[in-house]
Amino acid sequence: MHHLIYVSTATKYLNTDDLLDILNSSVGGNAAHNITGFLIYAESERSFIQVLEGDEADVDITFDRILKDHRHHEIVVLERSVIEERSFGAWSMGFKSLQHHLLMMIDGYSPVSNLRTLAKDGLALKVLTIFSKINNVTDF
């Protein structure tokens, strides 16, 4: 079992319909490849952070699809590792859109930083896990 965590920047501001389109298309692909995960969209900086979990080949197929998606760019892998078990196994794709005040709750986050700062000390997975548990996460 593997997980891959990445960040990216949306090519434009995404409204609710844009986000639903991304999520709905992700769910089908994820279910077909037995991928689970969680996605956060930070509205104020137009950034995504996502974790994908599954067999290594399936994670690679899914990530290759993501790399070709025109709706975002500046994709950077923060972490890729072997895991014992899924952290987000209940969801084909959990989702949360964060406004600025919620971003400010992340330890180590500042207004001059962005989600890319979560690469240090395994912080990315911690943030994804905390927000999936304490915020009203949409289950897709």
N, C-alpha and C. Protein backbone atom coordinates (compact mmCIF):
# COMPACT_ATOMS: atom_id res chain seq x y z
N MET A 1 0.86 -1.17 0.00
CA MET A 1 0.00 0.00 0.00
C MET A 1 0.91 1.24 0.00
N HIS A 2 0.52 2.24 -0.78
CA HIS A 2 1.27 3.49 -0.90
C HIS A 2 0.35 4.69 -0.72
N HIS A 3 0.98 5.82 -0.38
CA HIS A 3 0.27 7.08 -0.49
C HIS A 3 1.17 8.10 -1.16
N LEU A 4 0.52 9.05 -1.81
CA LEU A 4 1.20 10.15 -2.48
C LEU A 4 0.46 11.42 -2.09
N ILE A 5 1.21 12.41 -1.63
CA ILE A 5 0.63 13.70 -1.27
C ILE A 5 1.26 14.75 -2.17
N TYR A 6 0.42 15.56 -2.79
CA TYR A 6 0.93 16.62 -3.66
C TYR A 6 0.18 17.92 -3.41
N VAL A 7 0.77 19.01 -3.87
CA VAL A 7 0.11 20.31 -3.91
C VAL A 7 0.13 20.80 -5.35
N SER A 8 -0.84 21.65 -5.67
CA SER A 8 -0.89 22.26 -6.99
C SER A 8 -1.64 23.57 -6.89
N THR A 9 -1.60 24.33 -7.97
CA THR A 9 -2.28 25.62 -8.03
C THR A 9 -3.31 25.58 -9.15
N ALA A 10 -4.53 26.02 -8.83
CA ALA A 10 -5.58 26.08 -9.86
C ALA A 10 -5.20 27.13 -10.89
N THR A 11 -5.52 26.87 -12.14
CA THR A 11 -5.19 27.81 -13.21
C THR A 11 -6.10 29.03 -13.20
N LYS A 12 -7.23 28.94 -12.48
CA LYS A 12 -8.15 30.07 -12.33
C LYS A 12 -8.89 29.90 -11.02
N TYR A 13 -9.60 30.93 -10.60
CA TYR A 13 -10.44 30.79 -9.43
C TYR A 13 -11.52 29.76 -9.74
N LEU A 14 -11.76 28.84 -8.82
CA LEU A 14 -12.74 27.78 -9.02
C LEU A 14 -13.99 28.05 -8.21
N ASN A 15 -15.12 28.05 -8.88
CA ASN A 15 -16.39 28.21 -8.18
C ASN A 15 -16.91 26.84 -7.76
N THR A 16 -18.06 26.81 -7.13
CA THR A 16 -18.62 25.55 -6.61
C THR A 16 -18.84 24.54 -7.74
N ASP A 17 -19.35 24.98 -8.87
CA ASP A 17 -19.57 24.06 -9.99
C ASP A 17 -18.27 23.46 -10.49
N ASP A 18 -17.21 24.28 -10.57
CA ASP A 18 -15.89 23.78 -10.99
C ASP A 18 -15.40 22.69 -10.02
N LEU A 19 -15.53 22.96 -8.73
CA LEU A 19 -15.07 22.01 -7.72
C LEU A 19 -15.88 20.72 -7.78
N LEU A 20 -17.19 20.84 -7.94
CA LEU A 20 -18.03 19.63 -8.05
C LEU A 20 -17.66 18.81 -9.28
N ASP A 21 -17.32 19.48 -10.37
CA ASP A 21 -16.91 18.78 -11.58
C ASP A 21 -15.63 17.99 -11.32
N ILE A 22 -14.67 18.62 -10.65
CA ILE A 22 -13.42 17.93 -10.32
C ILE A 22 -13.70 16.72 -9.43
N LEU A 23 -14.50 16.91 -8.41
CA LEU A 23 -14.78 15.83 -7.47
C LEU A 23 -15.55 14.69 -8.12
N ASN A 24 -16.55 15.02 -8.91
CA ASN A 24 -17.33 13.97 -9.56
C ASN A 24 -16.50 13.16 -10.54
N SER A 25 -15.62 13.80 -11.27
CA SER A 25 -14.77 13.04 -12.21
C SER A 25 -13.73 12.23 -11.44
N SER A 26 -13.28 12.72 -10.30
CA SER A 26 -12.30 11.99 -9.50
C SER A 26 -12.87 10.72 -8.90
N VAL A 27 -14.09 10.80 -8.44
CA VAL A 27 -14.70 9.67 -7.75
C VAL A 27 -14.74 8.43 -8.66
N GLY A 28 -15.15 8.60 -9.89
CA GLY A 28 -15.22 7.47 -10.81
C GLY A 28 -13.86 6.84 -11.06
N GLY A 29 -12.88 7.67 -11.32
CA GLY A 29 -11.53 7.16 -11.55
C GLY A 29 -10.94 6.51 -10.32
N ASN A 30 -11.18 7.12 -9.17
CA ASN A 30 -10.65 6.56 -7.93
C ASN A 30 -11.29 5.22 -7.61
N ALA A 31 -12.60 5.13 -7.75
CA ALA A 31 -13.29 3.88 -7.46
C ALA A 31 -12.81 2.77 -8.40
N ALA A 32 -12.59 3.10 -9.66
CA ALA A 32 -12.14 2.11 -10.64
C ALA A 32 -10.75 1.56 -10.31
N HIS A 33 -9.94 2.35 -9.63
CA HIS A 33 -8.57 1.92 -9.30
C HIS A 33 -8.37 1.68 -7.80
N ASN A 34 -9.46 1.58 -7.05
CA ASN A 34 -9.41 1.32 -5.61
C ASN A 34 -8.54 2.35 -4.88
N ILE A 35 -8.70 3.61 -5.28
CA ILE A 35 -7.97 4.72 -4.67
C ILE A 35 -8.87 5.40 -3.65
N THR A 36 -8.31 5.70 -2.49
CA THR A 36 -9.00 6.52 -1.50
C THR A 36 -8.16 7.76 -1.26
N GLY A 37 -8.75 8.76 -0.59
CA GLY A 37 -7.96 9.95 -0.32
C GLY A 37 -8.78 11.11 0.18
N PHE A 38 -8.10 12.23 0.22
CA PHE A 38 -8.69 13.45 0.74
C PHE A 38 -8.10 14.63 0.00
N LEU A 39 -8.94 15.61 -0.33
CA LEU A 39 -8.53 16.79 -1.09
C LEU A 39 -8.96 18.05 -0.35
N ILE A 40 -8.04 18.98 -0.20
CA ILE A 40 -8.33 20.29 0.35
C ILE A 40 -8.07 21.33 -0.74
N TYR A 41 -9.01 22.26 -0.88
CA TYR A 41 -8.83 23.39 -1.79
C TYR A 41 -8.79 24.65 -0.95
N ALA A 42 -7.69 25.38 -1.00
CA ALA A 42 -7.55 26.64 -0.28
C ALA A 42 -7.96 27.77 -1.22
N GLU A 43 -9.15 28.29 -0.98
CA GLU A 43 -9.74 29.29 -1.88
C GLU A 43 -8.86 30.52 -2.06
N SER A 44 -8.33 31.04 -0.97
CA SER A 44 -7.60 32.32 -1.03
C SER A 44 -6.33 32.25 -1.85
N GLU A 45 -5.72 31.06 -1.93
CA GLU A 45 -4.49 30.96 -2.72
C GLU A 45 -4.64 30.06 -3.94
N ARG A 46 -5.89 29.60 -4.20
CA ARG A 46 -6.18 28.73 -5.34
C ARG A 46 -5.30 27.49 -5.36
N SER A 47 -5.04 26.92 -4.18
CA SER A 47 -4.16 25.76 -4.08
C SER A 47 -4.90 24.51 -3.64
N PHE A 48 -4.41 23.39 -4.11
CA PHE A 48 -4.90 22.08 -3.69
C PHE A 48 -3.81 21.36 -2.91
N ILE A 49 -4.22 20.54 -1.97
CA ILE A 49 -3.35 19.53 -1.38
C ILE A 49 -4.19 18.27 -1.36
N GLN A 50 -3.60 17.18 -1.80
CA GLN A 50 -4.36 15.93 -1.91
C GLN A 50 -3.48 14.76 -1.52
N VAL A 51 -4.09 13.79 -0.87
CA VAL A 51 -3.45 12.50 -0.61
C VAL A 51 -4.20 11.44 -1.40
N LEU A 52 -3.46 10.57 -2.06
CA LEU A 52 -4.00 9.42 -2.77
C LEU A 52 -3.46 8.18 -2.10
N GLU A 53 -4.31 7.18 -1.87
CA GLU A 53 -3.89 5.95 -1.22
C GLU A 53 -4.32 4.75 -2.06
N GLY A 54 -3.45 3.75 -2.14
CA GLY A 54 -3.80 2.54 -2.87
C GLY A 54 -2.55 1.77 -3.25
N ASP A 55 -2.73 0.75 -4.09
CA ASP A 55 -1.58 0.02 -4.60
C ASP A 55 -0.73 0.98 -5.43
N GLU A 56 0.57 0.78 -5.42
CA GLU A 56 1.49 1.72 -6.07
C GLU A 56 1.12 1.96 -7.54
N ALA A 57 0.84 0.91 -8.28
CA ALA A 57 0.51 1.07 -9.70
C ALA A 57 -0.76 1.89 -9.88
N ASP A 58 -1.75 1.66 -9.02
CA ASP A 58 -3.00 2.42 -9.11
C ASP A 58 -2.81 3.88 -8.73
N VAL A 59 -1.99 4.14 -7.73
CA VAL A 59 -1.68 5.52 -7.36
C VAL A 59 -0.98 6.21 -8.53
N ASP A 60 -0.04 5.51 -9.18
CA ASP A 60 0.67 6.09 -10.32
C ASP A 60 -0.27 6.41 -11.48
N ILE A 61 -1.20 5.51 -11.77
CA ILE A 61 -2.17 5.74 -12.85
C ILE A 61 -3.02 6.98 -12.54
N THR A 62 -3.47 7.06 -11.30
CA THR A 62 -4.31 8.19 -10.90
C THR A 62 -3.52 9.49 -10.94
N PHE A 63 -2.29 9.47 -10.45
CA PHE A 63 -1.48 10.69 -10.45
C PHE A 63 -1.13 11.12 -11.87
N ASP A 64 -0.89 10.17 -12.77
CA ASP A 64 -0.65 10.53 -14.18
C ASP A 64 -1.85 11.25 -14.76
N ARG A 65 -3.06 10.81 -14.41
CA ARG A 65 -4.28 11.49 -14.87
C ARG A 65 -4.34 12.92 -14.32
N ILE A 66 -3.96 13.07 -13.07
CA ILE A 66 -3.95 14.38 -12.43
C ILE A 66 -2.94 15.31 -13.11
N LEU A 67 -1.78 14.78 -13.44
CA LEU A 67 -0.75 15.60 -14.10
C LEU A 67 -1.21 16.17 -15.43
N LYS A 68 -2.14 15.48 -16.09
CA LYS A 68 -2.64 15.91 -17.39
C LYS A 68 -3.86 16.83 -17.29
N ASP A 69 -4.36 17.05 -16.09
CA ASP A 69 -5.56 17.87 -15.90
C ASP A 69 -5.22 19.35 -16.07
N HIS A 70 -5.86 20.00 -17.02
CA HIS A 70 -5.58 21.41 -17.36
C HIS A 70 -6.06 22.40 -16.30
N ARG A 71 -6.81 21.94 -15.31
CA ARG A 71 -7.37 22.87 -14.32
C ARG A 71 -6.38 23.28 -13.24
N HIS A 72 -5.22 22.66 -13.23
CA HIS A 72 -4.21 23.07 -12.25
C HIS A 72 -2.82 22.85 -12.82
N HIS A 73 -1.85 23.50 -12.19
CA HIS A 73 -0.45 23.41 -12.63
C HIS A 73 0.44 23.55 -11.40
N GLU A 74 1.73 23.67 -11.62
CA GLU A 74 2.71 23.79 -10.53
C GLU A 74 2.51 22.65 -9.52
N ILE A 75 2.41 21.44 -10.04
CA ILE A 75 2.19 20.26 -9.21
C ILE A 75 3.52 19.82 -8.61
N VAL A 76 3.53 19.70 -7.28
CA VAL A 76 4.73 19.30 -6.56
C VAL A 76 4.38 18.16 -5.61
N VAL A 77 5.12 17.05 -5.70
CA VAL A 77 4.92 15.94 -4.78
C VAL A 77 5.59 16.28 -3.45
N LEU A 78 4.81 16.25 -2.38
CA LEU A 78 5.35 16.53 -1.04
C LEU A 78 5.85 15.26 -0.37
N GLU A 79 5.15 14.17 -0.61
CA GLU A 79 5.50 12.92 0.06
C GLU A 79 4.99 11.75 -0.76
N ARG A 80 5.79 10.71 -0.81
CA ARG A 80 5.42 9.46 -1.46
C ARG A 80 6.04 8.36 -0.63
N SER A 81 5.21 7.49 -0.07
CA SER A 81 5.78 6.46 0.80
C SER A 81 4.89 5.24 0.91
N VAL A 82 5.49 4.18 1.42
CA VAL A 82 4.78 2.95 1.74
C VAL A 82 4.03 3.18 3.04
N ILE A 83 2.78 2.71 3.11
CA ILE A 83 1.99 2.85 4.33
C ILE A 83 1.47 1.47 4.75
N GLU A 84 1.22 1.33 6.03
CA GLU A 84 0.69 0.08 6.56
C GLU A 84 -0.80 -0.07 6.24
N GLU A 85 -1.53 1.04 6.38
CA GLU A 85 -2.97 1.02 6.14
C GLU A 85 -3.42 2.39 5.66
N ARG A 86 -4.61 2.44 5.11
CA ARG A 86 -5.17 3.69 4.61
C ARG A 86 -5.59 4.60 5.76
N SER A 87 -5.33 5.88 5.60
CA SER A 87 -5.81 6.88 6.57
C SER A 87 -7.19 7.38 6.19
N PHE A 88 -7.56 7.27 4.91
CA PHE A 88 -8.82 7.81 4.41
C PHE A 88 -9.61 6.73 3.67
N GLY A 89 -9.57 5.52 4.19
CA GLY A 89 -10.16 4.37 3.52
C GLY A 89 -11.66 4.43 3.34
N ALA A 90 -12.34 5.26 4.08
CA ALA A 90 -13.80 5.34 3.97
C ALA A 90 -14.26 6.14 2.76
N TRP A 91 -13.36 6.88 2.10
CA TRP A 91 -13.76 7.79 1.04
C TRP A 91 -13.07 7.51 -0.28
N SER A 92 -13.84 7.50 -1.37
CA SER A 92 -13.22 7.56 -2.70
C SER A 92 -12.50 8.89 -2.83
N MET A 93 -13.12 9.92 -2.25
CA MET A 93 -12.48 11.23 -2.20
C MET A 93 -13.19 12.10 -1.17
N GLY A 94 -12.56 12.31 -0.02
CA GLY A 94 -13.06 13.28 0.93
C GLY A 94 -12.65 14.66 0.45
N PHE A 95 -13.43 15.68 0.76
CA PHE A 95 -13.14 17.02 0.24
C PHE A 95 -13.50 18.10 1.26
N LYS A 96 -12.65 19.13 1.30
CA LYS A 96 -12.95 20.32 2.10
C LYS A 96 -12.38 21.53 1.37
N SER A 97 -13.20 22.56 1.24
CA SER A 97 -12.74 23.83 0.70
C SER A 97 -12.49 24.75 1.89
N LEU A 98 -11.27 25.25 2.00
CA LEU A 98 -10.89 26.06 3.15
C LEU A 98 -10.84 27.53 2.80
N GLN A 99 -11.43 28.32 3.66
CA GLN A 99 -11.31 29.76 3.53
C GLN A 99 -10.12 30.20 4.37
N HIS A 100 -9.72 31.44 4.19
CA HIS A 100 -8.49 31.94 4.80
C HIS A 100 -8.44 31.73 6.32
N HIS A 101 -9.53 31.96 7.03
CA HIS A 101 -9.50 31.84 8.49
C HIS A 101 -9.21 30.40 8.93
N LEU A 102 -9.61 29.41 8.13
CA LEU A 102 -9.30 28.03 8.47
C LEU A 102 -7.84 27.70 8.18
N LEU A 103 -7.29 28.28 7.12
CA LEU A 103 -5.87 28.09 6.83
C LEU A 103 -5.02 28.61 7.98
N MET A 104 -5.44 29.71 8.59
CA MET A 104 -4.66 30.31 9.67
C MET A 104 -4.60 29.41 10.90
N MET A 105 -5.46 28.40 10.97
CA MET A 105 -5.44 27.47 12.10
C MET A 105 -4.34 26.42 11.97
N ILE A 106 -3.74 26.30 10.80
CA ILE A 106 -2.69 25.30 10.58
C ILE A 106 -1.41 25.76 11.25
N ASP A 107 -0.89 24.93 12.15
CA ASP A 107 0.36 25.25 12.83
C ASP A 107 1.48 25.39 11.80
N GLY A 108 2.15 26.51 11.80
CA GLY A 108 3.23 26.75 10.86
C GLY A 108 2.81 27.50 9.61
N TYR A 109 1.52 27.70 9.42
CA TYR A 109 1.04 28.43 8.25
C TYR A 109 1.03 29.92 8.57
N SER A 110 1.41 30.74 7.60
CA SER A 110 1.35 32.18 7.78
C SER A 110 0.82 32.81 6.51
N PRO A 111 0.34 34.05 6.58
CA PRO A 111 -0.23 34.69 5.38
C PRO A 111 0.75 34.80 4.22
N VAL A 112 2.04 34.77 4.49
CA VAL A 112 3.02 34.88 3.40
C VAL A 112 3.45 33.51 2.89
N SER A 113 2.96 32.45 3.51
CA SER A 113 3.29 31.11 3.05
C SER A 113 2.14 30.55 2.24
N ASN A 114 2.23 29.29 1.88
CA ASN A 114 1.12 28.63 1.20
C ASN A 114 1.16 27.15 1.53
N LEU A 115 0.28 26.38 0.93
CA LEU A 115 0.20 24.96 1.26
C LEU A 115 1.49 24.21 0.98
N ARG A 116 2.35 24.76 0.14
CA ARG A 116 3.63 24.09 -0.15
C ARG A 116 4.54 24.01 1.08
N THR A 117 4.29 24.87 2.05
CA THR A 117 5.11 24.84 3.27
C THR A 117 4.84 23.60 4.10
N LEU A 118 3.83 22.83 3.76
CA LEU A 118 3.48 21.64 4.54
C LEU A 118 4.39 20.46 4.24
N ALA A 119 5.37 20.63 3.38
CA ALA A 119 6.26 19.53 3.03
C ALA A 119 7.18 19.14 4.17
N LYS A 120 7.39 20.01 5.12
CA LYS A 120 8.34 19.74 6.19
C LYS A 120 7.76 18.83 7.28
N ASP A 121 8.58 17.94 7.76
CA ASP A 121 8.27 17.13 8.95
C ASP A 121 6.95 16.38 8.89
N GLY A 122 6.55 15.89 7.74
CA GLY A 122 5.33 15.12 7.63
C GLY A 122 4.07 15.90 7.95
N LEU A 123 4.15 17.22 7.89
CA LEU A 123 3.03 18.06 8.27
C LEU A 123 1.84 17.90 7.32
N ALA A 124 2.09 17.60 6.07
CA ALA A 124 1.00 17.49 5.09
C ALA A 124 -0.02 16.44 5.52
N LEU A 125 0.44 15.24 5.84
CA LEU A 125 -0.49 14.19 6.24
C LEU A 125 -1.20 14.54 7.54
N LYS A 126 -0.50 15.16 8.46
CA LYS A 126 -1.12 15.56 9.73
C LYS A 126 -2.26 16.54 9.48
N VAL A 127 -2.02 17.53 8.64
CA VAL A 127 -3.05 18.53 8.34
C VAL A 127 -4.24 17.88 7.66
N LEU A 128 -4.00 17.04 6.67
CA LEU A 128 -5.10 16.36 5.98
C LEU A 128 -5.91 15.52 6.95
N THR A 129 -5.25 14.81 7.83
CA THR A 129 -5.94 13.96 8.80
C THR A 129 -6.76 14.78 9.78
N ILE A 130 -6.17 15.84 10.33
CA ILE A 130 -6.88 16.69 11.29
C ILE A 130 -8.12 17.32 10.66
N PHE A 131 -7.96 17.91 9.48
CA PHE A 131 -9.09 18.56 8.85
C PHE A 131 -10.17 17.57 8.43
N SER A 132 -9.78 16.35 8.09
CA SER A 132 -10.80 15.36 7.73
C SER A 132 -11.64 14.96 8.94
N LYS A 133 -11.07 15.04 10.12
CA LYS A 133 -11.77 14.62 11.33
C LYS A 133 -12.59 15.72 11.99
N ILE A 134 -12.12 16.97 11.93
CA ILE A 134 -12.79 18.02 12.70
C ILE A 134 -13.64 18.99 11.90
N ASN A 135 -13.57 18.91 10.59
CA ASN A 135 -14.35 19.84 9.78
C ASN A 135 -15.40 19.08 8.98
N ASN A 136 -16.46 19.72 8.69
CA ASN A 136 -17.54 19.09 7.94
C ASN A 136 -17.05 18.72 6.54
N VAL A 137 -16.54 17.53 6.42
CA VAL A 137 -15.96 17.07 5.18
C VAL A 137 -17.04 16.50 4.28
N THR A 138 -17.00 16.86 3.04
CA THR A 138 -17.92 16.30 2.06
C THR A 138 -17.39 14.94 1.64
N ASP A 139 -18.24 13.93 1.70
CA ASP A 139 -17.85 12.59 1.33
C ASP A 139 -18.32 12.30 -0.09
N PHE A 140 -17.38 12.03 -0.99
CA PHE A 140 -17.72 11.68 -2.37
C PHE A 140 -17.35 10.25 -2.64
